[in-house]
């Protein structure tokens, strides 16, 4: 195949003496054997998405390697110096269980230190939420975590956090990207100042665990904790370093750990995907739960920011909950605890995102607390805390199996969420109920909302073009009717315009621009289309709802909502 000139120019640069012999050798082999792979590796620069920069490891400017991360860190160093002149700058770095994470984290530390920045580097793998905690605990201006979350083994990534403990948002993100794009690879300072690199571990672990236990514990009697039978799996990831100890310090002793998945391993040998959103990732945990008659199963992804949960249904069978359901359960629990403590006075809020269940808004309203909604990604929930310092943040989450309890950690936090859902389960069991029954009661009280995610994978350059065309078609030829229901409103977050299709009126949405479209139908259904910022996917988030008059009618009403979702998928050809 014939490569475009911009790709040939990039390859030529990477064959220059700027790049080390190992890199050049790998590149020359690629050129000789796989022109298609050369094209994929060089046709664009890796971009910052909702979760930072994430990609396949390898040679090239569209791959994760010491040079792309070095360039990003050099640009970030330059930006930090411009924003914090004449003051000492500190950064903290963590990394997960993935291949090359530890060595790439050291590259990042080297570049920071070569630029005169004090670095706190975790001596070994740690959960992503601990990085967010450590940043504020150590008084740093910036934090980095090397992770690709639940992506396949060939991926790695680079997430940037700011001094508030949250991931970067405007205007920092754009300014940092501009600083990076101004650089040439020969400007990267790789020669470390080892005096500026300090290794951290146990002291931060202890502070993080203590904070988590304080923030996610709610006076559960010890007897109730002892009676809760928990199965936990780290899915070969980082949560094994602190989550079992957190549960132990909180008083949960009856914890069975899935041994086959206990040891961190970047190949994730026992699962197709280490993603707790996917049911088969929890297969071994569910098997252990049936052997031990467990009440609850909890699994966390490799960097321990997401968690999957399974509980026993009314027939006693283990049932997987989705991210919206766990968010509703945990938010309702927190709101009830705050109400009983007399802490709700109108100056509190819960947060979520535009792709998550509208039911959380109903919950907030019922308890008299404010509800704030942001774009996809927890960085926007963290930004809410920063933007509204006069309000107390109770908790928040989104559909992607993540939750944040209070503001000690400014990112989705599966350590605190694991403890919190155990509190929910232990107290429910002590009161003669179950987590599942509590969820059904919430549906009766606030409306039965059911969500479904369709995720279409479109890999490579051609896949990106296909995803872009799908979004163009949805914008330029909008659907007027879905499943026999008129579309009444379309929100286009790229143009910031919400259009009422009934009267033709338009309004401007006060939210940062994003490539997201949301259709609302006259029966309250919601369909959101959004390309992923971190994976080669386009996602469709479907939400339907109706009343549930009694728990006894749950199965019948759920079947009705399932039919509704299936009809929407069929009509929109989301296969």
Protein backbone atom coordinates (compact mmCIF):
# COMPACT_ATOMS: atom_id res chain seq x y z
CA UNK A 1 0.00 0.00 0.00
CA UNK A 2 1.08 3.58 -0.64
CA UNK A 3 1.49 5.75 2.46
CA UNK A 4 0.47 9.41 2.52
CA UNK A 5 3.19 12.05 2.66
CA UNK A 6 2.39 13.19 6.20
CA UNK A 7 2.88 9.60 7.40
CA UNK A 8 6.16 9.24 5.49
CA UNK A 9 7.39 12.52 7.00
CA UNK A 10 6.54 11.36 10.52
CA UNK A 11 8.27 8.01 9.96
CA UNK A 12 11.38 9.81 8.68
CA UNK A 13 11.47 11.95 11.83
CA UNK A 14 11.24 8.86 14.05
CA UNK A 15 14.16 7.32 12.15
CA UNK A 16 16.37 10.28 13.06
CA UNK A 17 19.00 10.26 15.88
CA UNK A 18 16.49 12.02 18.21
CA UNK A 19 15.03 8.57 18.89
CA UNK A 20 16.97 5.75 20.54
CA UNK A 21 18.25 2.66 18.77
CA UNK A 22 15.55 0.39 20.21
CA UNK A 23 12.81 2.64 18.84
CA UNK A 24 14.43 2.89 15.41
CA UNK A 25 14.94 -0.87 15.24
CA UNK A 26 11.28 -1.52 16.07
CA UNK A 27 10.17 1.09 13.53
CA UNK A 28 12.35 -0.29 10.73
CA UNK A 29 10.92 -3.75 11.36
CA UNK A 30 7.39 -2.32 11.18
CA UNK A 31 8.13 -0.52 7.90
CA UNK A 32 9.50 -3.71 6.39
CA UNK A 33 6.68 -5.99 7.46
CA UNK A 34 3.43 -4.05 7.98
CA UNK A 35 2.67 -0.83 6.05
CA UNK A 36 -0.91 -0.89 7.40
CA UNK A 37 0.40 -0.89 10.97
CA UNK A 38 2.74 1.98 10.06
CA UNK A 39 -0.28 3.93 8.81
CA UNK A 40 -2.24 3.24 12.01
CA UNK A 41 0.77 4.22 14.15
CA UNK A 42 1.45 7.56 12.47
CA UNK A 43 -1.72 8.91 10.81
CA UNK A 44 -2.54 11.19 13.77
CA UNK A 45 -1.30 12.26 17.19
CA UNK A 46 -2.82 10.64 20.26
CA UNK A 47 -5.47 12.99 21.63
CA UNK A 48 -6.80 13.80 25.08
CA UNK A 49 -10.32 12.42 25.50
CA UNK A 50 -12.72 12.19 28.44
CA UNK A 51 -10.18 10.08 30.34
CA UNK A 52 -6.93 11.66 29.17
CA UNK A 53 -4.69 10.06 26.57
CA UNK A 54 -5.14 6.35 25.91
CA UNK A 55 -3.88 4.11 23.13
CA UNK A 56 -2.08 1.01 21.96
CA UNK A 57 1.55 0.70 23.04
CA UNK A 58 4.14 0.76 20.28
CA UNK A 59 6.23 2.99 18.05
CA UNK A 60 4.76 6.17 16.56
CA UNK A 61 2.97 9.40 17.40
CA UNK A 62 -0.39 7.55 17.57
CA UNK A 63 0.96 5.07 20.12
CA UNK A 64 1.82 5.08 23.82
CA UNK A 65 5.61 5.08 24.26
CA UNK A 66 8.37 6.96 26.07
CA UNK A 67 8.41 9.72 23.43
CA UNK A 68 4.68 10.47 23.25
CA UNK A 69 4.48 10.44 27.06
CA UNK A 70 7.76 12.34 27.31
CA UNK A 71 6.46 15.04 24.97
CA UNK A 72 3.21 15.31 26.92
CA UNK A 73 5.10 15.60 30.19
CA UNK A 74 7.50 18.19 28.78
CA UNK A 75 4.60 20.29 27.53
CA UNK A 76 2.85 19.90 30.88
CA UNK A 77 6.06 20.93 32.68
CA UNK A 78 6.30 24.07 30.55
CA UNK A 79 2.66 24.90 31.28
CA UNK A 80 3.05 24.32 35.03
CA UNK A 81 5.97 26.74 35.13
CA UNK A 82 3.95 29.40 33.33
CA UNK A 83 0.94 29.01 35.65
CA UNK A 84 2.89 28.70 38.92
CA UNK A 85 5.88 31.06 38.44
CA UNK A 86 8.34 31.65 41.26
CA UNK A 87 7.04 28.81 43.43
CA UNK A 88 8.05 25.19 43.98
CA UNK A 89 6.05 22.83 41.78
CA UNK A 90 5.15 19.32 42.93
CA UNK A 91 3.67 16.41 40.99
CA UNK A 92 2.60 12.92 42.07
CA UNK A 93 2.62 9.86 39.80
CA UNK A 94 0.84 6.52 40.10
CA UNK A 95 0.56 3.55 37.75
CA UNK A 96 -1.46 0.38 37.32
CA UNK A 97 -0.76 -3.28 36.54
CA UNK A 98 -0.39 -2.92 32.78
CA UNK A 99 2.67 -3.86 30.77
CA UNK A 100 5.26 -1.06 30.82
CA UNK A 101 3.27 1.04 33.32
CA UNK A 102 6.08 1.06 35.88
CA UNK A 103 8.82 1.94 33.37
CA UNK A 104 6.67 4.57 31.66
CA UNK A 105 5.85 6.11 35.06
CA UNK A 106 9.58 6.44 35.67
CA UNK A 107 9.99 8.15 32.27
CA UNK A 108 7.32 10.67 33.30
CA UNK A 109 9.06 11.19 36.65
CA UNK A 110 12.40 11.67 34.89
CA UNK A 111 11.03 14.39 32.62
CA UNK A 112 9.32 16.24 35.46
CA UNK A 113 12.48 16.13 37.58
CA UNK A 114 14.66 17.21 34.65
CA UNK A 115 12.48 20.31 34.55
CA UNK A 116 13.06 21.07 38.23
CA UNK A 117 9.70 19.70 39.43
CA UNK A 118 9.53 17.76 42.72
CA UNK A 119 8.10 14.30 42.03
CA UNK A 120 6.33 11.88 44.37
CA UNK A 121 6.35 8.51 42.63
CA UNK A 122 4.48 5.50 44.01
CA UNK A 123 6.98 2.68 44.46
CA UNK A 124 4.54 0.14 43.03
CA UNK A 125 1.09 -0.07 41.46
CA UNK A 126 -1.78 1.71 43.20
CA UNK A 127 -5.47 2.46 42.48
CA UNK A 128 -6.28 5.57 40.46
CA UNK A 129 -8.44 7.09 43.24
CA UNK A 130 -5.44 6.96 45.57
CA UNK A 131 -3.61 9.21 43.11
CA UNK A 132 -6.41 11.78 43.33
CA UNK A 133 -6.30 11.60 47.13
CA UNK A 134 -2.49 11.81 47.27
CA UNK A 135 -2.42 14.89 45.06
CA UNK A 136 -4.33 17.00 47.59
CA UNK A 137 -2.84 15.24 50.60
CA UNK A 138 0.68 16.14 49.43
CA UNK A 139 -0.24 19.63 48.22
CA UNK A 140 0.73 19.01 44.59
CA UNK A 141 -0.23 21.12 41.61
CA UNK A 142 -0.48 18.16 39.28
CA UNK A 143 -0.86 14.38 39.19
CA UNK A 144 -0.41 11.68 36.57
CA UNK A 145 -1.64 8.11 36.52
CA UNK A 146 -0.44 5.57 33.94
CA UNK A 147 -3.46 3.43 33.15
CA UNK A 148 -5.79 2.31 30.38
CA UNK A 149 -8.54 1.40 32.83
CA UNK A 150 -10.36 -1.70 31.48
CA UNK A 151 -9.03 -1.60 27.90
CA UNK A 152 -7.42 -4.73 26.35
CA UNK A 153 -3.83 -5.67 27.35
CA UNK A 154 -2.15 -3.89 24.41
CA UNK A 155 -3.34 -0.50 25.69
CA UNK A 156 -1.90 1.98 28.17
CA UNK A 157 -2.70 5.58 28.98
CA UNK A 158 -1.87 8.84 30.69
CA UNK A 159 -4.40 10.74 32.82
CA UNK A 160 -3.64 14.26 34.03
CA UNK A 161 -5.02 15.62 37.30
CA UNK A 162 -4.99 19.22 38.52
CA UNK A 163 -4.40 20.68 41.97
CA UNK A 164 -8.06 20.22 43.05
CA UNK A 165 -7.63 16.44 42.65
CA UNK A 166 -9.84 16.20 39.58
CA UNK A 167 -8.86 15.45 36.00
CA UNK A 168 -8.05 18.45 33.84
CA UNK A 169 -10.96 20.43 32.40
CA UNK A 170 -11.16 23.69 30.43
CA UNK A 171 -9.25 25.93 30.28
CA UNK A 172 -6.30 23.83 31.53
CA UNK A 173 -6.83 20.94 29.11
CA UNK A 174 -6.70 23.07 25.97
CA UNK A 175 -3.78 25.13 27.25
CA UNK A 176 -1.82 21.97 28.09
CA UNK A 177 -2.56 20.46 24.67
CA UNK A 178 -1.35 23.68 23.02
CA UNK A 179 1.85 23.59 25.07
CA UNK A 180 2.44 19.97 23.99
CA UNK A 181 1.73 20.64 20.31
CA UNK A 182 4.26 23.49 20.23
CA UNK A 183 7.05 21.06 21.12
CA UNK A 184 9.40 19.04 18.98
CA UNK A 185 10.61 15.67 20.22
CA UNK A 186 14.18 16.97 20.52
CA UNK A 187 13.01 19.39 23.24
CA UNK A 188 12.11 16.63 25.71
CA UNK A 189 14.35 16.60 28.79
CA UNK A 190 14.83 12.94 29.67
CA UNK A 191 17.85 13.31 31.98
CA UNK A 192 16.42 12.83 35.47
CA UNK A 193 17.37 14.76 38.58
CA UNK A 194 17.06 11.82 40.97
CA UNK A 195 17.28 14.17 43.98
CA UNK A 196 13.84 15.47 43.04
CA UNK A 197 12.20 12.02 42.85
CA UNK A 198 10.78 10.73 46.15
CA UNK A 199 9.19 7.30 46.35
CA UNK A 200 5.95 7.00 48.33
CA UNK A 201 3.84 4.06 49.48
CA UNK A 202 2.70 2.97 52.98
CA UNK A 203 2.22 6.41 54.56
CA UNK A 204 -0.09 7.45 51.74
CA UNK A 205 -1.87 4.08 51.82
CA UNK A 206 -2.63 4.50 55.52
CA UNK A 207 -3.95 8.05 55.07
CA UNK A 208 -6.05 7.02 52.08
CA UNK A 209 -7.57 4.02 53.83
CA UNK A 210 -8.31 6.08 56.98
CA UNK A 211 -10.03 8.76 54.89
CA UNK A 212 -12.06 6.16 52.97
CA UNK A 213 -13.29 4.44 56.13
CA UNK A 214 -14.31 7.80 57.61
CA UNK A 215 -16.16 8.95 54.48
CA UNK A 216 -17.93 5.74 53.47
CA UNK A 217 -18.96 4.28 56.85
CA UNK A 218 -22.41 4.97 58.30
CA UNK A 219 -22.76 3.47 61.78
CA UNK A 220 -23.42 -0.08 60.66
CA UNK A 221 -23.50 -2.35 63.75
CA UNK A 222 -20.61 -4.81 63.94
CA UNK A 223 -23.03 -7.73 64.07
CA UNK A 224 -24.51 -6.62 60.73
CA UNK A 225 -21.02 -6.43 59.22
CA UNK A 226 -20.19 -9.89 60.51
CA UNK A 227 -23.37 -11.28 58.94
CA UNK A 228 -22.60 -9.97 55.46
CA UNK A 229 -20.91 -12.55 53.24
CA UNK A 230 -18.83 -10.75 50.58
CA UNK A 231 -17.02 -12.07 47.49
CA UNK A 232 -14.44 -9.67 46.06
CA UNK A 233 -12.27 -9.76 42.94
CA UNK A 234 -9.66 -7.28 41.78
CA UNK A 235 -9.68 -8.74 38.23
CA UNK A 236 -5.86 -8.89 38.24
CA UNK A 237 -5.72 -5.16 39.01
CA UNK A 238 -4.57 -2.59 41.55
CA UNK A 239 -7.44 -2.69 44.06
CA UNK A 240 -5.85 -5.67 45.80
CA UNK A 241 -3.29 -3.24 47.27
CA UNK A 242 -5.80 -1.36 49.45
CA UNK A 243 -9.42 -2.52 49.11
CA UNK A 244 -9.26 -5.70 51.27
CA UNK A 245 -7.44 -3.72 53.97
CA UNK A 246 -10.03 -0.93 53.76
CA UNK A 247 -12.84 -3.44 54.28
CA UNK A 248 -10.95 -5.01 57.17
CA UNK A 249 -10.36 -1.67 58.90
CA UNK A 250 -14.05 -0.83 58.41
CA UNK A 251 -14.95 -4.05 60.25
CA UNK A 252 -15.85 -6.37 57.36
CA UNK A 253 -14.17 -9.69 58.11
CA UNK A 254 -16.26 -12.07 56.04
CA UNK A 255 -14.59 -11.37 52.68
CA UNK A 256 -13.79 -14.13 50.18
CA UNK A 257 -11.23 -13.07 47.55
CA UNK A 258 -11.18 -14.74 44.11
CA UNK A 259 -7.69 -16.26 44.29
CA UNK A 260 -7.33 -16.87 40.54
CA UNK A 261 -7.62 -13.08 39.96
CA UNK A 262 -5.83 -11.84 43.07
CA UNK A 263 -2.35 -11.34 41.58
CA UNK A 264 -1.95 -8.23 39.38
CA UNK A 265 -1.32 -9.24 35.78
CA UNK A 266 -1.40 -7.02 32.69
CA UNK A 267 -2.43 -9.95 30.50
CA UNK A 268 -5.66 -10.41 32.51
CA UNK A 269 -5.44 -14.18 31.85
CA UNK A 270 -8.79 -15.27 33.33
CA UNK A 271 -11.05 -12.82 31.48
CA UNK A 272 -11.70 -11.70 27.91
CA UNK A 273 -11.94 -8.14 29.20
CA UNK A 274 -11.15 -6.90 32.74
CA UNK A 275 -14.24 -4.71 32.67
CA UNK A 276 -16.78 -5.17 35.47
CA UNK A 277 -19.40 -3.65 33.15
CA UNK A 278 -19.30 -6.92 31.20
CA UNK A 279 -21.02 -9.84 32.98
CA UNK A 280 -18.50 -12.52 32.02
CA UNK A 281 -15.70 -10.62 33.83
CA UNK A 282 -17.38 -11.64 37.10
CA UNK A 283 -17.89 -15.32 36.19
CA UNK A 284 -15.34 -16.67 38.70
CA UNK A 285 -16.63 -14.38 41.43
CA UNK A 286 -20.21 -15.50 40.84
CA UNK A 287 -19.14 -19.16 40.98
CA UNK A 288 -17.43 -18.52 44.32
CA UNK A 289 -20.52 -16.68 45.57
CA UNK A 290 -22.69 -19.71 44.89
CA UNK A 291 -20.20 -22.00 46.65
CA UNK A 292 -20.05 -19.77 49.74
CA UNK A 293 -23.67 -18.53 49.69
CA UNK A 294 -22.45 -14.93 49.46
CA UNK A 295 -24.82 -11.99 49.74
CA UNK A 296 -22.90 -9.72 47.39
CA UNK A 297 -20.20 -9.88 44.71
CA UNK A 298 -17.95 -6.91 43.99
CA UNK A 299 -15.38 -6.67 41.20
CA UNK A 300 -13.17 -3.72 40.34
CA UNK A 301 -11.42 -2.87 37.08
CA UNK A 302 -7.60 -2.79 36.72
CA UNK A 303 -7.12 0.78 37.98
CA UNK A 304 -9.88 0.45 40.59
CA UNK A 305 -12.11 3.33 39.64
CA UNK A 306 -15.09 1.25 38.39
CA UNK A 307 -16.90 -1.53 40.17
CA UNK A 308 -19.37 -4.20 39.17
CA UNK A 309 -21.85 -5.52 41.71
CA UNK A 310 -24.05 -8.62 41.87
CA UNK A 311 -26.66 -9.31 44.56
CA UNK A 312 -29.28 -11.97 45.19
CA UNK A 313 -32.68 -11.33 43.62
CA UNK A 314 -36.03 -12.26 45.13
CA UNK A 315 -35.54 -15.87 43.97
CA UNK A 316 -32.13 -16.05 45.65
CA UNK A 317 -30.15 -16.00 42.39
CA UNK A 318 -27.16 -13.75 41.86
CA UNK A 319 -28.13 -10.81 39.63
CA UNK A 320 -25.77 -8.27 38.12
CA UNK A 321 -26.65 -4.63 38.70
CA UNK A 322 -25.81 -2.00 36.10
CA UNK A 323 -24.02 1.27 36.80
CA UNK A 324 -27.21 3.30 36.95
CA UNK A 325 -28.75 0.93 39.49
CA UNK A 326 -25.71 0.98 41.78
CA UNK A 327 -25.58 4.78 41.51
CA UNK A 328 -29.25 5.03 42.51
CA UNK A 329 -28.82 2.64 45.44
CA UNK A 330 -25.77 4.44 46.82
CA UNK A 331 -27.19 7.93 46.28
CA UNK A 332 -30.49 7.04 47.97
CA UNK A 333 -28.59 5.52 50.92
CA UNK A 334 -26.43 8.64 51.32
CA UNK A 335 -29.40 10.99 51.05
CA UNK A 336 -31.32 9.03 53.68
CA UNK A 337 -28.32 9.08 56.05
CA UNK A 338 -27.81 12.82 55.54
CA UNK A 339 -31.53 13.43 56.14
CA UNK A 340 -31.61 11.37 59.36
CA UNK A 341 -28.53 13.26 60.59
CA UNK A 342 -30.34 16.57 59.99
CA UNK A 343 -27.64 17.69 57.55
CA UNK A 344 -29.85 18.62 54.59
CA UNK A 345 -30.69 22.33 54.44
CA UNK A 346 -30.80 23.07 50.71
CA UNK A 347 -27.08 23.75 50.46
CA UNK A 348 -26.14 20.24 49.31
CA UNK A 349 -25.98 18.66 45.87
CA UNK A 350 -25.55 15.39 44.06
CA UNK A 351 -23.95 15.19 40.63
CA UNK A 352 -24.24 13.05 37.53
CA UNK A 353 -23.77 13.19 33.76
CA UNK A 354 -25.93 13.64 30.67
CA UNK A 355 -25.72 9.95 29.68
CA UNK A 356 -26.84 8.63 33.07
CA UNK A 357 -30.29 7.76 34.38
CA UNK A 358 -32.68 10.69 34.91
CA UNK A 359 -33.84 8.88 38.05
CA UNK A 360 -31.04 10.43 40.08
CA UNK A 361 -32.63 13.84 39.46
CA UNK A 362 -35.90 12.50 40.89
CA UNK A 363 -34.04 11.29 43.99
CA UNK A 364 -32.36 14.65 44.56
CA UNK A 365 -35.67 16.47 44.22
CA UNK A 366 -37.39 14.11 46.68
CA UNK A 367 -34.77 14.87 49.33
CA UNK A 368 -34.59 18.61 48.71
CA UNK A 369 -31.01 18.71 47.50
CA UNK A 370 -29.72 20.34 44.35
CA UNK A 371 -28.92 18.27 41.28
CA UNK A 372 -26.14 19.16 38.89
CA UNK A 373 -25.44 17.48 35.57
CA UNK A 374 -22.30 17.60 33.45
CA UNK A 375 -20.77 16.06 30.38
CA UNK A 376 -19.62 12.43 30.38
CA UNK A 377 -16.71 11.74 32.72
CA UNK A 378 -16.05 12.26 36.40
CA UNK A 379 -13.83 15.25 35.74
CA UNK A 380 -17.06 17.23 35.26
CA UNK A 381 -18.45 16.07 38.61
CA UNK A 382 -15.13 17.04 40.23
CA UNK A 383 -15.44 20.44 38.54
CA UNK A 384 -18.86 20.92 40.15
CA UNK A 385 -17.22 20.66 43.59
CA UNK A 386 -14.69 23.31 42.57
CA UNK A 387 -17.29 25.58 40.95
CA UNK A 388 -19.73 25.53 43.88
CA UNK A 389 -17.60 25.81 47.05
CA UNK A 390 -20.64 27.13 48.96
CA UNK A 391 -22.41 23.77 48.49
CA UNK A 392 -21.68 20.41 50.12
CA UNK A 393 -21.18 17.48 47.76
CA UNK A 394 -22.96 14.37 49.01
CA UNK A 395 -22.09 11.96 46.21
CA UNK A 396 -22.40 11.34 42.52
CA UNK A 397 -21.91 8.90 39.72
CA UNK A 398 -22.58 7.95 36.16
CA UNK A 399 -23.77 4.95 34.23
CA UNK A 400 -20.26 3.63 33.57
CA UNK A 401 -20.07 1.76 36.90
CA UNK A 402 -18.37 4.57 38.82
CA UNK A 403 -19.24 6.44 42.02
CA UNK A 404 -17.73 9.17 44.17
CA UNK A 405 -18.53 9.41 47.89
CA UNK A 406 -17.96 12.92 49.21
CA UNK A 407 -15.08 15.09 48.06
CA UNK A 408 -11.95 13.49 49.56
CA UNK A 409 -11.31 11.83 46.18
CA UNK A 410 -12.22 13.86 43.09
CA UNK A 411 -12.67 10.97 40.69
CA UNK A 412 -14.69 7.78 40.49
CA UNK A 413 -13.50 5.69 43.39
CA UNK A 414 -14.12 1.95 43.59
CA UNK A 415 -12.44 1.70 47.01
CA UNK A 416 -14.94 3.99 48.73
CA UNK A 417 -17.81 2.69 46.58
CA UNK A 418 -16.98 -0.91 47.56
CA UNK A 419 -17.19 0.00 51.23
CA UNK A 420 -20.37 2.04 50.71
CA UNK A 421 -22.26 -0.74 48.91
CA UNK A 422 -21.24 -3.11 51.71
CA UNK A 423 -22.79 -0.66 54.18
CA UNK A 424 -25.97 -0.63 52.07
CA UNK A 425 -26.04 -4.44 51.94
CA UNK A 426 -25.20 -5.01 55.61
CA UNK A 427 -27.86 -2.62 56.87
CA UNK A 428 -30.46 -3.97 54.45
CA UNK A 429 -29.80 -7.55 55.60
CA UNK A 430 -29.91 -6.52 59.26
CA UNK A 431 -33.34 -4.97 58.62
CA UNK A 432 -34.69 -8.13 56.99
CA UNK A 433 -34.32 -6.75 53.47
CA UNK A 434 -31.82 -7.11 50.61
CA UNK A 435 -30.06 -4.74 48.23
CA UNK A 436 -32.35 -6.00 45.46
CA UNK A 437 -35.50 -5.29 47.46
CA UNK A 438 -34.21 -1.83 48.32
CA UNK A 439 -33.80 -1.11 44.59
CA UNK A 440 -37.36 -2.25 43.80
CA UNK A 441 -38.73 -0.06 46.59
CA UNK A 442 -36.92 2.92 45.06
CA UNK A 443 -38.60 2.17 41.72
CA UNK A 444 -42.01 2.20 43.42
CA UNK A 445 -41.25 5.49 45.18
CA UNK A 446 -39.54 7.41 42.37
CA UNK A 447 -40.51 5.71 39.08
CA UNK A 448 -39.08 2.68 37.29
CA UNK A 449 -36.23 3.84 35.05
CA UNK A 450 -34.43 1.26 32.95
CA UNK A 451 -31.32 1.90 30.88
CA UNK A 452 -29.46 -0.01 28.21
CA UNK A 453 -26.13 0.69 26.51
CA UNK A 454 -25.39 -0.25 22.90
CA UNK A 455 -21.66 0.00 22.19
CA UNK A 456 -20.50 -0.43 18.59
CA UNK A 457 -16.74 -0.99 18.08
CA UNK A 458 -15.22 0.57 14.94
CA UNK A 459 -11.45 0.14 14.96
CA UNK A 460 -8.74 2.07 13.15
CA UNK A 461 -8.80 4.96 10.71
CA UNK A 462 -11.75 3.56 8.73
CA UNK A 463 -13.69 2.94 11.92
CA UNK A 464 -13.15 6.55 13.01
CA UNK A 465 -14.55 7.75 9.67
CA UNK A 466 -17.57 5.48 10.08
CA UNK A 467 -18.27 6.81 13.58
CA UNK A 468 -18.00 10.39 12.35
CA UNK A 469 -20.44 9.67 9.52
CA UNK A 470 -22.98 8.15 11.91
CA UNK A 471 -22.94 11.35 14.00
CA UNK A 472 -23.24 13.51 10.85
CA UNK A 473 -26.29 11.51 9.71
CA UNK A 474 -27.99 11.84 13.11
CA UNK A 475 -27.44 15.60 13.01
CA UNK A 476 -28.28 16.37 9.40
CA UNK A 477 -31.16 13.88 9.10
CA UNK A 478 -32.62 13.83 12.62
CA UNK A 479 -35.19 11.21 13.50
CA UNK A 480 -38.71 12.64 13.85
CA UNK A 481 -40.18 9.54 15.47
CA UNK A 482 -38.76 6.60 17.46
CA UNK A 483 -40.82 3.49 18.26
CA UNK A 484 -44.08 5.26 17.43
CA UNK A 485 -43.26 8.18 19.72
CA UNK A 486 -42.62 11.69 18.42
CA UNK A 487 -39.20 13.16 19.10
CA UNK A 488 -39.97 16.33 21.06
CA UNK A 489 -36.48 17.62 21.77
CA UNK A 490 -32.96 17.24 20.38
CA UNK A 491 -29.97 18.46 22.37
CA UNK A 492 -26.80 18.93 20.33
CA UNK A 493 -23.86 19.47 22.64
CA UNK A 494 -21.56 20.20 19.72
CA UNK A 495 -23.55 23.27 18.69
CA UNK A 496 -24.82 23.92 22.27
CA UNK A 497 -28.36 24.14 20.85
CA UNK A 498 -31.45 22.42 22.23
CA UNK A 499 -34.27 22.36 19.65
CA UNK A 500 -37.92 21.83 20.51
CA UNK A 501 -39.37 19.93 17.55
CA UNK A 502 -42.97 20.66 18.56
CA UNK A 503 -42.78 24.45 18.21
CA UNK A 504 -39.41 24.87 16.46
CA UNK A 505 -37.94 26.98 19.26
CA UNK A 506 -34.25 26.78 20.13
CA UNK A 507 -32.31 27.50 23.31
CA UNK A 508 -28.61 27.72 24.09
CA UNK A 509 -27.23 25.14 26.55
CA UNK A 510 -24.71 26.42 29.08
CA UNK A 511 -22.27 23.54 28.90
CA UNK A 512 -18.88 22.96 27.21
CA UNK A 513 -19.09 21.69 23.65
CA UNK A 514 -18.94 17.92 23.12
CA UNK A 515 -19.76 15.54 20.30
CA UNK A 516 -23.00 14.30 21.87
CA UNK A 517 -26.59 14.18 20.63
CA UNK A 518 -29.62 13.43 22.82
CA UNK A 519 -33.11 12.65 21.50
CA UNK A 520 -36.12 12.92 23.84
CA UNK A 521 -39.48 11.37 22.91
CA UNK A 522 -42.97 12.31 24.07
CA UNK A 523 -43.23 9.28 26.41
CA UNK A 524 -40.10 10.30 28.35
CA UNK A 525 -37.64 8.01 26.59
CA UNK A 526 -34.11 9.32 26.06
CA UNK A 527 -31.56 8.18 23.47
CA UNK A 528 -28.04 9.58 23.60
CA UNK A 529 -25.40 9.08 20.87
CA UNK A 530 -21.77 9.69 21.72
CA UNK A 531 -18.41 8.56 20.31
CA UNK A 532 -16.12 7.32 23.09
CA UNK A 533 -13.24 9.62 23.99
CA UNK A 534 -10.94 6.75 24.95
CA UNK A 535 -11.95 3.73 22.85
CA UNK A 536 -12.76 3.09 19.14
CA UNK A 537 -16.48 2.96 19.86
CA UNK A 538 -19.72 4.83 19.35
CA UNK A 539 -22.15 4.45 22.23
CA UNK A 540 -25.92 4.74 22.36
CA UNK A 541 -27.43 5.21 25.82
CA UNK A 542 -31.13 4.32 25.96
CA UNK A 543 -33.35 5.24 28.92
CA UNK A 544 -37.04 4.37 29.25
CA UNK A 545 -39.37 4.68 32.24
CA UNK A 546 -42.84 4.09 33.59
CA UNK A 547 -44.65 3.84 36.92
CA UNK A 548 -44.28 0.77 39.17
CA UNK A 549 -47.28 0.61 41.49
CA UNK A 550 -46.11 -2.38 43.55
CA UNK A 551 -43.01 -4.53 43.93
CA UNK A 552 -45.08 -7.60 43.05
CA UNK A 553 -45.56 -6.25 39.52
CA UNK A 554 -41.85 -5.69 38.88
CA UNK A 555 -41.28 -8.58 36.44
CA UNK A 556 -44.28 -7.65 34.31
CA UNK A 557 -43.36 -3.96 34.13
CA UNK A 558 -39.70 -4.77 33.45
CA UNK A 559 -40.72 -6.96 30.51
CA UNK A 560 -42.70 -4.02 29.13
CA UNK A 561 -39.66 -1.72 29.38
CA UNK A 562 -37.41 -4.40 27.86
CA UNK A 563 -39.72 -4.60 24.85
CA UNK A 564 -39.56 -0.84 24.52
CA UNK A 565 -35.74 -0.88 24.53
CA UNK A 566 -35.63 -3.73 21.99
CA UNK A 567 -37.97 -1.83 19.68
CA UNK A 568 -35.80 1.31 19.86
CA UNK A 569 -32.65 -0.71 19.07
CA UNK A 570 -34.39 -2.40 16.14
CA UNK A 571 -35.82 0.79 14.68
CA UNK A 572 -32.52 2.68 14.96
CA UNK A 573 -30.64 -0.35 13.55
CA UNK A 574 -28.17 -0.36 16.42
CA UNK A 575 -26.75 -3.80 15.74
